[in-house]
Amino acid sequence: MNELNDLYQEMILDHYKKPRNFGSLPDATAAAHGDNPLCGDRLALELRLAGDRIEDLRFRGSGCAISTASASLMTEAVKGKTKAEAIAIFEKFHPMVTGQGGPDGLGKLEVFSGVSEFPVRVKCATLAWHTLLAALEGKNDTVSTE
């Protein structure tokens, strides 16, 4: 199990140091902002929707390793998915990081399964996801984890 934890830690650090889909999306059709005042995580998420499908998305901002890695891995997980598919992934992810469900079928997102042992970090891991939901729902208010 220690090797698995080391692998998970490496993946989180890799996505923190070299986040995927980081930057602006000039032709975005939906956007939202997220803020985790407790940790100082802030992000802006921009999406380009083609009908009901997330054609592309990008995020900007700053945050801790968990927050940035979660946003990076989230963008990879939902790109090309329909809104319903993205929400279904969140509905598996959230219980996993809160310790109320297993990592079944989440692929790379399973690296966050250990977050449930650190309740204060759950907000870091879920900020990008709550921001994604706000963007998909067309909400313009800043999402806060507080």
C-alpha atoms as a PDB file:
ATOM      1  CA  MET A   1       0.000   0.000   0.000  1.00  0.00           C
ATOM      2  CA  ASN A   2       2.935   2.348   0.633  1.00  0.00           C
ATOM      3  CA  GLU A   3       3.973   2.119  -3.042  1.00  0.00           C
ATOM      4  CA  LEU A   4       0.440   3.071  -4.057  1.00  0.00           C
ATOM      5  CA  ASN A   5       0.508   6.086  -1.736  1.00  0.00           C
ATOM      6  CA  ASP A   6       3.860   7.117  -3.209  1.00  0.00           C
ATOM      7  CA  LEU A   7       2.441   6.823  -6.731  1.00  0.00           C
ATOM      8  CA  TYR A   8      -0.604   8.894  -5.763  1.00  0.00           C
ATOM      9  CA  GLN A   9       1.622  11.543  -4.189  1.00  0.00           C
ATOM     10  CA  GLU A  10       3.784  11.677  -7.327  1.00  0.00           C
ATOM     11  CA  MET A  11       0.734  12.125  -9.560  1.00  0.00           C
ATOM     12  CA  ILE A  12      -0.652  14.919  -7.381  1.00  0.00           C
ATOM     13  CA  LEU A  13       2.721  16.709  -7.389  1.00  0.00           C
ATOM     14  CA  ASP A  14       3.044  16.277 -11.167  1.00  0.00           C
ATOM     15  CA  HIS A  15      -0.391  17.843 -11.787  1.00  0.00           C
ATOM     16  CA  TYR A  16       0.403  20.599  -9.281  1.00  0.00           C
ATOM     17  CA  LYS A  17       3.736  21.490 -10.894  1.00  0.00           C
ATOM     18  CA  LYS A  18       2.526  21.014 -14.496  1.00  0.00           C
ATOM     19  CA  PRO A  19      -1.242  21.463 -14.457  1.00  0.00           C
ATOM     20  CA  ARG A  20      -3.055  20.305 -17.560  1.00  0.00           C
ATOM     21  CA  ASN A  21      -5.547  22.613 -19.293  1.00  0.00           C
ATOM     22  CA  PHE A  22      -4.210  25.640 -17.406  1.00  0.00           C
ATOM     23  CA  GLY A  23      -4.859  29.062 -18.919  1.00  0.00           C
ATOM     24  CA  SER A  24      -7.620  31.034 -20.579  1.00  0.00           C
ATOM     25  CA  LEU A  25     -10.192  29.809 -23.070  1.00  0.00           C
ATOM     26  CA  PRO A  26     -10.964  32.832 -25.272  1.00  0.00           C
ATOM     27  CA  ASP A  27     -14.069  31.333 -26.896  1.00  0.00           C
ATOM     28  CA  ALA A  28     -15.621  30.061 -23.656  1.00  0.00           C
ATOM     29  CA  THR A  29     -19.390  29.734 -23.540  1.00  0.00           C
ATOM     30  CA  ALA A  30     -19.625  29.225 -19.771  1.00  0.00           C
ATOM     31  CA  ALA A  31     -17.517  30.255 -16.796  1.00  0.00           C
ATOM     32  CA  ALA A  32     -17.447  30.347 -13.018  1.00  0.00           C
ATOM     33  CA  HIS A  33     -15.115  31.347 -10.196  1.00  0.00           C
ATOM     34  CA  GLY A  34     -14.263  29.414  -7.059  1.00  0.00           C
ATOM     35  CA  ASP A  35     -12.776  30.491  -3.757  1.00  0.00           C
ATOM     36  CA  ASN A  36     -11.617  28.489  -0.736  1.00  0.00           C
ATOM     37  CA  PRO A  37     -10.876  31.196   1.855  1.00  0.00           C
ATOM     38  CA  LEU A  38      -9.618  28.686   4.413  1.00  0.00           C
ATOM     39  CA  CYS A  39      -6.697  27.576   2.242  1.00  0.00           C
ATOM     40  CA  GLY A  40      -6.443  30.537  -0.138  1.00  0.00           C
ATOM     41  CA  ASP A  41      -7.345  28.512  -3.243  1.00  0.00           C
ATOM     42  CA  ARG A  42      -8.859  30.603  -6.046  1.00  0.00           C
ATOM     43  CA  LEU A  43      -9.716  29.573  -9.550  1.00  0.00           C
ATOM     44  CA  ALA A  44     -11.488  30.688 -12.661  1.00  0.00           C
ATOM     45  CA  LEU A  45     -12.938  27.956 -14.856  1.00  0.00           C
ATOM     46  CA  GLU A  46     -13.924  28.495 -18.479  1.00  0.00           C
ATOM     47  CA  LEU A  47     -15.725  25.970 -20.662  1.00  0.00           C
ATOM     48  CA  ARG A  48     -16.694  25.717 -24.290  1.00  0.00           C
ATOM     49  CA  LEU A  49     -19.879  23.750 -24.654  1.00  0.00           C
ATOM     50  CA  ALA A  50     -21.000  22.213 -27.935  1.00  0.00           C
ATOM     51  CA  GLY A  51     -24.630  21.513 -27.236  1.00  0.00           C
ATOM     52  CA  ASP A  52     -24.605  19.385 -24.102  1.00  0.00           C
ATOM     53  CA  ARG A  53     -20.961  18.322 -24.437  1.00  0.00           C
ATOM     54  CA  ILE A  54     -17.930  19.886 -22.745  1.00  0.00           C
ATOM     55  CA  GLU A  55     -15.811  20.416 -25.818  1.00  0.00           C
ATOM     56  CA  ASP A  56     -12.948  22.152 -24.001  1.00  0.00           C
ATOM     57  CA  LEU A  57     -12.185  23.733 -20.649  1.00  0.00           C
ATOM     58  CA  ARG A  58      -9.382  25.606 -18.947  1.00  0.00           C
ATOM     59  CA  PHE A  59      -8.688  26.893 -15.459  1.00  0.00           C
ATOM     60  CA  ARG A  60      -6.549  29.657 -14.005  1.00  0.00           C
ATOM     61  CA  GLY A  61      -5.732  30.655 -10.504  1.00  0.00           C
ATOM     62  CA  SER A  62      -3.607  29.651  -7.595  1.00  0.00           C
ATOM     63  CA  GLY A  63      -3.945  27.159  -4.834  1.00  0.00           C
ATOM     64  CA  CYS A  64      -2.428  24.389  -2.830  1.00  0.00           C
ATOM     65  CA  ALA A  65      -1.181  21.162  -4.413  1.00  0.00           C
ATOM     66  CA  ILE A  66      -4.458  19.307  -3.775  1.00  0.00           C
ATOM     67  CA  SER A  67      -6.613  22.080  -5.250  1.00  0.00           C
ATOM     68  CA  THR A  68      -4.483  22.590  -8.362  1.00  0.00           C
ATOM     69  CA  ALA A  69      -4.024  18.867  -9.001  1.00  0.00           C
ATOM     70  CA  SER A  70      -7.744  18.278  -8.546  1.00  0.00           C
ATOM     71  CA  ALA A  71      -8.588  21.002 -11.084  1.00  0.00           C
ATOM     72  CA  SER A  72      -6.032  19.607 -13.529  1.00  0.00           C
ATOM     73  CA  LEU A  73      -7.247  16.020 -13.233  1.00  0.00           C
ATOM     74  CA  MET A  74     -10.877  17.156 -13.332  1.00  0.00           C
ATOM     75  CA  THR A  75     -10.358  18.911 -16.661  1.00  0.00           C
ATOM     76  CA  GLU A  76      -8.885  15.728 -18.109  1.00  0.00           C
ATOM     77  CA  ALA A  77     -11.734  13.626 -16.719  1.00  0.00           C
ATOM     78  CA  VAL A  78     -14.611  15.725 -18.048  1.00  0.00           C
ATOM     79  CA  LYS A  79     -13.279  17.018 -21.367  1.00  0.00           C
ATOM     80  CA  GLY A  80     -15.429  15.541 -24.123  1.00  0.00           C
ATOM     81  CA  LYS A  81     -18.119  14.399 -21.689  1.00  0.00           C
ATOM     82  CA  THR A  82     -21.742  15.495 -21.636  1.00  0.00           C
ATOM     83  CA  LYS A  83     -22.998  17.605 -18.764  1.00  0.00           C
ATOM     84  CA  ALA A  84     -24.762  14.543 -17.336  1.00  0.00           C
ATOM     85  CA  GLU A  85     -21.583  12.444 -17.573  1.00  0.00           C
ATOM     86  CA  ALA A  86     -19.535  15.160 -15.843  1.00  0.00           C
ATOM     87  CA  ILE A  87     -22.104  15.419 -13.043  1.00  0.00           C
ATOM     88  CA  ALA A  88     -22.099  11.626 -12.682  1.00  0.00           C
ATOM     89  CA  ILE A  89     -18.310  11.686 -12.226  1.00  0.00           C
ATOM     90  CA  PHE A  90     -18.679  14.376  -9.545  1.00  0.00           C
ATOM     91  CA  GLU A  91     -21.358  12.276  -7.830  1.00  0.00           C
ATOM     92  CA  LYS A  92     -18.786   9.466  -7.475  1.00  0.00           C
ATOM     93  CA  PHE A  93     -15.846  11.770  -6.676  1.00  0.00           C
ATOM     94  CA  HIS A  94     -17.486  13.726  -3.847  1.00  0.00           C
ATOM     95  CA  PRO A  95     -18.456  10.680  -1.735  1.00  0.00           C
ATOM     96  CA  MET A  96     -14.963   9.251  -2.241  1.00  0.00           C
ATOM     97  CA  VAL A  97     -13.166  12.347  -0.923  1.00  0.00           C
ATOM     98  CA  THR A  98     -15.602  12.738   1.970  1.00  0.00           C
ATOM     99  CA  GLY A  99     -15.166   9.103   3.019  1.00  0.00           C
ATOM    100  CA  GLN A 100     -18.718   8.123   2.119  1.00  0.00           C
ATOM    101  CA  GLY A 101     -17.918   6.042  -0.945  1.00  0.00           C
ATOM    102  CA  GLY A 102     -15.229   4.101  -2.721  1.00  0.00           C
ATOM    103  CA  PRO A 103     -13.113   5.013  -5.727  1.00  0.00           C
ATOM    104  CA  ASP A 104     -14.957   2.636  -8.056  1.00  0.00           C
ATOM    105  CA  GLY A 105     -14.468   3.538 -11.693  1.00  0.00           C
ATOM    106  CA  LEU A 106     -12.788   6.900 -11.168  1.00  0.00           C
ATOM    107  CA  GLY A 107      -9.455   6.067 -12.786  1.00  0.00           C
ATOM    108  CA  LYS A 108      -6.795   8.688 -12.111  1.00  0.00           C
ATOM    109  CA  LEU A 109      -9.168  10.573  -9.818  1.00  0.00           C
ATOM    110  CA  GLU A 110      -8.656   7.768  -7.299  1.00  0.00           C
ATOM    111  CA  VAL A 111      -5.448   9.547  -6.247  1.00  0.00           C
ATOM    112  CA  PHE A 112      -7.690  11.720  -4.067  1.00  0.00           C
ATOM    113  CA  SER A 113      -9.153   8.798  -2.098  1.00  0.00           C
ATOM    114  CA  GLY A 114      -6.848   9.549   0.844  1.00  0.00           C
ATOM    115  CA  VAL A 115      -8.188  13.110   1.168  1.00  0.00           C
ATOM    116  CA  SER A 116     -11.050  11.773   3.282  1.00  0.00           C
ATOM    117  CA  GLU A 117      -8.533  11.236   6.095  1.00  0.00           C
ATOM    118  CA  PHE A 118      -7.915  14.995   6.182  1.00  0.00           C
ATOM    119  CA  PRO A 119     -11.320  16.741   6.349  1.00  0.00           C
ATOM    120  CA  VAL A 120      -9.850  20.226   5.950  1.00  0.00           C
ATOM    121  CA  ARG A 121      -8.403  19.155   2.568  1.00  0.00           C
ATOM    122  CA  VAL A 122     -11.780  18.007   1.207  1.00  0.00           C
ATOM    123  CA  LYS A 123     -12.610  21.613   0.350  1.00  0.00           C
ATOM    124  CA  CYS A 124      -9.355  21.884  -1.582  1.00  0.00           C
ATOM    125  CA  ALA A 125     -10.110  18.732  -3.576  1.00  0.00           C
ATOM    126  CA  THR A 126     -13.713  19.686  -4.365  1.00  0.00           C
ATOM    127  CA  LEU A 127     -13.380  23.402  -5.174  1.00  0.00           C
ATOM    128  CA  ALA A 128     -12.838  22.885  -8.910  1.00  0.00           C
ATOM    129  CA  TRP A 129     -15.728  20.415  -9.027  1.00  0.00           C
ATOM    130  CA  HIS A 130     -18.193  22.772  -7.347  1.00  0.00           C
ATOM    131  CA  THR A 131     -16.987  25.508  -9.695  1.00  0.00           C
ATOM    132  CA  LEU A 132     -17.597  23.202 -12.675  1.00  0.00           C
ATOM    133  CA  LEU A 133     -21.161  22.549 -11.500  1.00  0.00           C
ATOM    134  CA  ALA A 134     -21.764  26.299 -11.195  1.00  0.00           C
ATOM    135  CA  ALA A 135     -20.464  26.868 -14.734  1.00  0.00           C
ATOM    136  CA  LEU A 136     -22.637  24.067 -16.116  1.00  0.00           C
ATOM    137  CA  GLU A 137     -25.663  25.575 -14.340  1.00  0.00           C
ATOM    138  CA  GLY A 138     -24.893  29.076 -15.654  1.00  0.00           C
ATOM    139  CA  LYS A 139     -24.367  30.557 -12.192  1.00  0.00           C
ATOM    140  CA  ASN A 140     -22.247  33.687 -12.186  1.00  0.00           C
ATOM    141  CA  ASP A 141     -21.697  33.998  -8.432  1.00  0.00           C
ATOM    142  CA  THR A 142     -18.348  32.965  -6.993  1.00  0.00           C
ATOM    143  CA  VAL A 143     -18.486  29.466  -5.541  1.00  0.00           C
ATOM    144  CA  SER A 144     -17.157  29.377  -2.002  1.00  0.00           C
ATOM    145  CA  THR A 145     -16.288  26.359   0.059  1.00  0.00           C
ATOM    146  CA  GLU A 146     -17.257  28.250   3.230  1.00  0.00           C
END
